[in-house]
């Protein structure tokens, strides 16, 4: 699968529905959006925005990239996810993370979890969400979150994949044990590091009796077609050069990707990628 990151910007002229519709028309498999509700720059709340996007599209899937677990009760996320998945015709990909921005948590009065608490909370969230999706009455006692004889109806009619954005050793091991997908960013996990992280995930998956195919590896990659390669965190160059570089990342095991347009012309960049690069990547993936 190949996705396109759309901006949560609420600045004048921003239009996430237009961006998602164009991504759908261009043949992308999903759109994704990050989760940073606190800040001075005007932005939409990701869940509300994706609900609006879902109502205006028909095929393209919708991914949170990724929800910071400390912002929302995991039990409520389970309910929210089931509703959006059902209303969108089964198109949700639920991305979760332990939480990146300590300043945002502090600013919203949520406290600042330690690194260990973030991983513990993420693991609790997965257990709670999956439990509420599957059990008639679900009780769970975790180090960070819990439920007591919780009932939730309806249950999802089709599976909702859970992808994790993780980097540390404990979080990577949890990804291998529990997640349906892993979505690291090139800027935080350059290829050599990402390969070692992926190996850690697959090792944990094997220890849990799972196969490599049980965990999709989805690289989140910034790109710019038609620009010189200047930033190591962005794949840039001609369309042929961008395709060649992305094929190299595919060969590392990242057969799915989420693309983030860099520069001042994201709509033009999305079209160039879809028309000149995606066909090469799809052929490589097959």
Protein backbone atom coordinates (compact mmCIF):
# COMPACT_ATOMS: atom_id res chain seq x y z
CA UNK A 1 0.00 0.00 0.00
CA UNK A 2 1.11 3.53 -0.74
CA UNK A 3 -0.29 6.48 1.16
CA UNK A 4 -0.12 10.25 1.10
CA UNK A 5 0.24 12.43 4.14
CA UNK A 6 -2.21 15.32 4.18
CA UNK A 7 -1.75 18.38 6.32
CA UNK A 8 -3.96 19.15 9.33
CA UNK A 9 -3.43 22.86 8.70
CA UNK A 10 -6.42 25.10 9.34
CA UNK A 11 -4.72 28.14 7.77
CA UNK A 12 -6.67 30.13 5.20
CA UNK A 13 -6.68 28.20 1.93
CA UNK A 14 -5.96 24.80 3.47
CA UNK A 15 -8.41 22.13 2.38
CA UNK A 16 -7.83 18.59 3.65
CA UNK A 17 -10.97 17.29 1.91
CA UNK A 18 -9.69 18.53 -1.46
CA UNK A 19 -6.29 16.99 -0.75
CA UNK A 20 -7.83 13.63 0.15
CA UNK A 21 -10.12 13.61 -2.87
CA UNK A 22 -7.17 14.34 -5.15
CA UNK A 23 -5.16 11.57 -3.48
CA UNK A 24 -8.06 9.19 -4.13
CA UNK A 25 -8.25 10.26 -7.77
CA UNK A 26 -4.48 9.86 -8.15
CA UNK A 27 -4.68 6.23 -6.98
CA UNK A 28 -3.11 6.41 -3.52
CA UNK A 29 -4.28 3.63 -1.20
CA UNK A 30 -4.62 5.72 1.96
CA UNK A 31 -4.24 9.21 3.35
CA UNK A 32 -2.70 9.85 6.74
CA UNK A 33 -2.44 12.70 9.19
CA UNK A 34 -0.38 13.40 12.29
CA UNK A 35 -1.73 14.10 15.78
CA UNK A 36 -0.50 17.34 17.38
CA UNK A 37 -3.49 19.16 18.89
CA UNK A 38 -1.43 21.71 20.83
CA UNK A 39 0.45 24.54 19.18
CA UNK A 40 0.30 28.14 17.95
CA UNK A 41 -0.12 27.23 14.27
CA UNK A 42 -3.82 26.70 13.35
CA UNK A 43 -4.57 22.99 12.86
CA UNK A 44 -7.52 20.63 12.88
CA UNK A 45 -7.89 17.85 15.43
CA UNK A 46 -6.96 14.74 13.49
CA UNK A 47 -9.93 12.52 14.34
CA UNK A 48 -12.50 15.20 13.54
CA UNK A 49 -10.68 16.02 10.32
CA UNK A 50 -10.48 12.42 9.14
CA UNK A 51 -14.19 11.95 9.84
CA UNK A 52 -14.90 14.92 7.57
CA UNK A 53 -12.53 13.44 4.96
CA UNK A 54 -14.22 10.03 5.19
CA UNK A 55 -17.61 11.55 4.40
CA UNK A 56 -16.19 13.23 1.28
CA UNK A 57 -14.36 10.21 -0.17
CA UNK A 58 -15.40 6.70 -1.12
CA UNK A 59 -12.42 4.37 -1.57
CA UNK A 60 -9.25 5.69 0.00
CA UNK A 61 -8.34 4.43 3.47
CA UNK A 62 -7.78 6.73 6.45
CA UNK A 63 -4.79 6.42 8.77
CA UNK A 64 -3.84 8.20 11.97
CA UNK A 65 -0.08 8.74 11.86
CA UNK A 66 -0.07 8.29 14.82
CA UNK A 67 -2.48 9.03 17.69
CA UNK A 68 -0.63 9.96 20.86
CA UNK A 69 -2.10 7.55 23.41
CA UNK A 70 -1.91 10.00 26.36
CA UNK A 71 -4.32 12.42 24.65
CA UNK A 72 -7.36 10.12 24.75
CA UNK A 73 -8.75 7.31 26.89
CA UNK A 74 -7.94 4.03 25.11
CA UNK A 75 -11.48 2.77 25.73
CA UNK A 76 -12.89 5.87 24.04
CA UNK A 77 -10.44 5.41 21.15
CA UNK A 78 -11.83 1.89 20.71
CA UNK A 79 -15.34 3.34 20.42
CA UNK A 80 -14.24 6.20 18.16
CA UNK A 81 -12.36 3.82 15.89
CA UNK A 82 -15.27 1.42 15.52
CA UNK A 83 -17.60 4.28 14.64
CA UNK A 84 -15.30 5.82 12.04
CA UNK A 85 -14.50 2.41 10.57
CA UNK A 86 -18.19 1.57 10.27
CA UNK A 87 -19.26 4.96 8.91
CA UNK A 88 -16.46 4.97 6.33
CA UNK A 89 -17.24 1.49 5.04
CA UNK A 90 -14.29 -0.23 6.75
CA UNK A 91 -11.52 2.17 5.73
CA UNK A 92 -9.75 2.99 9.02
CA UNK A 93 -6.12 2.22 9.85
CA UNK A 94 -5.55 3.01 13.52
CA UNK A 95 -2.04 4.32 14.07
CA UNK A 96 -0.93 4.62 17.71
CA UNK A 97 2.17 5.84 19.48
CA UNK A 98 3.37 6.30 23.02
CA UNK A 99 3.41 10.07 22.60
CA UNK A 100 6.11 12.32 21.18
CA UNK A 101 5.73 15.86 22.44
CA UNK A 102 6.16 16.29 26.17
CA UNK A 103 5.48 20.02 25.87
CA UNK A 104 2.08 19.32 24.32
CA UNK A 105 1.15 16.96 27.15
CA UNK A 106 2.29 19.49 29.71
CA UNK A 107 0.44 22.32 27.99
CA UNK A 108 -2.83 20.37 27.92
CA UNK A 109 -2.53 19.46 31.60
CA UNK A 110 -2.01 15.75 30.93
CA UNK A 111 1.24 15.34 32.82
CA UNK A 112 4.41 14.06 31.17
CA UNK A 113 4.80 10.27 31.16
CA UNK A 114 8.27 8.80 31.37
CA UNK A 115 9.58 6.84 28.39
CA UNK A 116 8.68 3.60 30.17
CA UNK A 117 5.19 4.86 31.01
CA UNK A 118 4.64 5.84 27.37
CA UNK A 119 5.38 2.31 26.20
CA UNK A 120 3.33 0.79 29.03
CA UNK A 121 0.41 3.05 28.11
CA UNK A 122 0.65 2.15 24.44
CA UNK A 123 0.61 -1.57 25.25
CA UNK A 124 -2.33 -1.09 27.61
CA UNK A 125 -4.16 0.78 24.87
CA UNK A 126 -3.73 -2.05 22.36
CA UNK A 127 -5.03 -4.63 24.83
CA UNK A 128 -7.99 -2.46 25.80
CA UNK A 129 -8.92 -1.52 22.24
CA UNK A 130 -8.71 -5.08 20.96
CA UNK A 131 -10.54 -6.38 24.03
CA UNK A 132 -13.44 -3.99 23.57
CA UNK A 133 -13.60 -4.84 19.87
CA UNK A 134 -13.93 -8.55 20.62
CA UNK A 135 -15.26 -9.27 24.14
CA UNK A 136 -18.83 -8.87 25.40
CA UNK A 137 -17.58 -7.61 28.76
CA UNK A 138 -13.95 -6.68 29.13
CA UNK A 139 -11.91 -6.13 32.28
CA UNK A 140 -8.27 -5.16 32.06
CA UNK A 141 -5.82 -3.87 34.67
CA UNK A 142 -2.66 -2.38 33.23
CA UNK A 143 0.08 -0.20 34.69
CA UNK A 144 -1.39 2.90 32.99
CA UNK A 145 -4.96 2.17 31.86
CA UNK A 146 -7.74 -0.24 32.65
CA UNK A 147 -11.38 -1.18 32.19
CA UNK A 148 -13.92 -2.87 34.45
CA UNK A 149 -16.64 -5.04 32.90
CA UNK A 150 -16.71 -2.63 29.97
CA UNK A 151 -19.29 -3.27 27.30
CA UNK A 152 -19.08 -1.83 23.79
CA UNK A 153 -21.47 -2.40 20.92
CA UNK A 154 -21.37 -2.72 18.00
CA UNK A 155 -18.12 -4.54 17.36
CA UNK A 156 -16.15 -3.96 14.15
CA UNK A 157 -17.54 -5.91 11.22
CA UNK A 158 -14.12 -6.09 9.58
CA UNK A 159 -10.62 -5.95 11.09
CA UNK A 160 -9.14 -2.57 11.95
CA UNK A 161 -5.36 -2.71 11.52
CA UNK A 162 -3.28 -1.20 14.32
CA UNK A 163 0.02 0.34 13.21
CA UNK A 164 2.57 1.62 15.69
CA UNK A 165 5.10 4.42 15.30
CA UNK A 166 7.90 3.13 17.52
CA UNK A 167 11.68 3.40 17.87
CA UNK A 168 12.96 2.28 21.29
CA UNK A 169 13.82 -1.32 22.15
CA UNK A 170 10.82 -2.00 24.41
CA UNK A 171 8.44 -0.30 21.99
CA UNK A 172 9.84 -2.22 19.02
CA UNK A 173 9.45 -5.50 20.87
CA UNK A 174 5.83 -4.60 21.67
CA UNK A 175 5.30 -3.82 17.99
CA UNK A 176 6.50 -7.27 17.02
CA UNK A 177 4.28 -8.95 19.60
CA UNK A 178 1.10 -6.95 19.11
CA UNK A 179 0.88 -4.72 16.05
CA UNK A 180 -0.41 -5.24 12.53
CA UNK A 181 2.03 -2.69 11.17
CA UNK A 182 5.04 -0.52 11.94
CA UNK A 183 5.34 3.02 10.54
CA UNK A 184 8.67 4.68 11.37
CA UNK A 185 9.75 7.96 9.77
CA UNK A 186 12.88 8.32 7.66
CA UNK A 187 13.78 11.43 9.65
CA UNK A 188 13.85 9.50 12.93
CA UNK A 189 15.01 6.13 11.59
CA UNK A 190 17.50 6.39 8.70
CA UNK A 191 17.79 3.21 6.61
CA UNK A 192 20.63 1.53 8.50
CA UNK A 193 18.91 2.13 11.83
CA UNK A 194 15.53 1.18 10.43
CA UNK A 195 16.88 -2.19 9.26
CA UNK A 196 18.13 -2.96 12.79
CA UNK A 197 14.81 -1.82 14.27
CA UNK A 198 12.89 -4.00 11.83
CA UNK A 199 15.04 -6.97 12.80
CA UNK A 200 14.14 -6.36 16.44
CA UNK A 201 10.44 -6.30 15.53
CA UNK A 202 10.63 -9.51 13.53
CA UNK A 203 12.57 -11.22 16.33
CA UNK A 204 9.87 -10.28 18.84
CA UNK A 205 7.18 -11.39 16.39
CA UNK A 206 8.83 -14.79 15.99
CA UNK A 207 9.11 -15.18 19.76
CA UNK A 208 5.37 -14.52 19.98
CA UNK A 209 4.63 -17.18 17.36
CA UNK A 210 3.95 -14.68 14.59
CA UNK A 211 5.40 -14.46 11.09
CA UNK A 212 7.06 -11.54 9.33
CA UNK A 213 3.95 -11.16 7.17
CA UNK A 214 1.90 -10.40 10.29
CA UNK A 215 3.59 -6.99 10.68
CA UNK A 216 3.46 -4.64 7.70
CA UNK A 217 6.51 -2.38 7.51
CA UNK A 218 5.47 1.06 6.27
CA UNK A 219 8.18 3.70 5.83
CA UNK A 220 7.07 7.32 6.30
CA UNK A 221 9.15 9.22 3.74
CA UNK A 222 9.38 12.90 2.86
CA UNK A 223 10.02 13.43 -0.86
CA UNK A 224 10.49 16.12 -3.48
CA UNK A 225 10.44 15.34 -7.18
CA UNK A 226 12.46 17.73 -9.34
CA UNK A 227 14.73 19.09 -6.62
CA UNK A 228 18.33 18.35 -5.74
CA UNK A 229 19.08 16.02 -2.85
CA UNK A 230 20.01 18.41 -0.04
CA UNK A 231 18.32 17.06 3.10
CA UNK A 232 19.21 13.50 4.20
CA UNK A 233 15.70 13.18 5.66
CA UNK A 234 14.05 13.82 2.27
CA UNK A 235 14.23 11.68 -0.86
CA UNK A 236 14.74 14.12 -3.73
CA UNK A 237 15.85 14.22 -7.35
CA UNK A 238 14.33 13.54 -10.73
CA UNK A 239 11.36 11.20 -10.89
CA UNK A 240 13.70 8.39 -11.96
CA UNK A 241 16.13 9.14 -9.12
CA UNK A 242 13.33 9.28 -6.53
CA UNK A 243 11.94 5.97 -7.82
CA UNK A 244 15.38 4.35 -7.66
CA UNK A 245 15.92 5.49 -4.08
CA UNK A 246 12.48 4.32 -2.99
CA UNK A 247 13.04 0.94 -4.63
CA UNK A 248 16.15 0.62 -2.46
CA UNK A 249 14.00 1.25 0.62
CA UNK A 250 11.49 -1.34 -0.60
CA UNK A 251 14.31 -3.85 -0.84
CA UNK A 252 15.04 -3.32 2.87
CA UNK A 253 11.59 -4.73 3.65
CA UNK A 254 9.47 -1.57 3.47
CA UNK A 255 7.02 -2.75 0.85
CA UNK A 256 4.47 -0.13 1.95
CA UNK A 257 5.16 3.60 2.30
CA UNK A 258 3.53 6.82 3.35
CA UNK A 259 4.72 9.84 1.39
CA UNK A 260 5.05 13.36 2.75
CA UNK A 261 5.36 16.08 0.07
CA UNK A 262 8.18 18.52 0.86
CA UNK A 263 8.33 22.09 -0.37
CA UNK A 264 5.73 24.74 -1.17
CA UNK A 265 3.71 22.77 -3.75
CA UNK A 266 2.35 19.58 -2.10
CA UNK A 267 -0.47 19.09 -4.62
CA UNK A 268 1.88 19.22 -7.59
CA UNK A 269 4.30 16.91 -5.79
CA UNK A 270 1.56 14.37 -5.05
CA UNK A 271 0.58 14.32 -8.73
CA UNK A 272 4.18 13.89 -9.91
CA UNK A 273 4.74 11.04 -7.47
CA UNK A 274 1.50 9.29 -8.43
CA UNK A 275 2.06 9.60 -12.16
CA UNK A 276 5.82 9.09 -12.49
CA UNK A 277 6.97 7.14 -9.43
CA UNK A 278 4.15 5.01 -8.02
CA UNK A 279 3.88 2.78 -11.12
CA UNK A 280 7.55 1.84 -10.69
CA UNK A 281 7.07 1.12 -6.98
CA UNK A 282 3.96 -0.96 -7.54
CA UNK A 283 5.81 -3.03 -10.12
CA UNK A 284 8.66 -3.48 -7.66
CA UNK A 285 6.31 -4.51 -4.86
CA UNK A 286 4.64 -7.12 -7.04
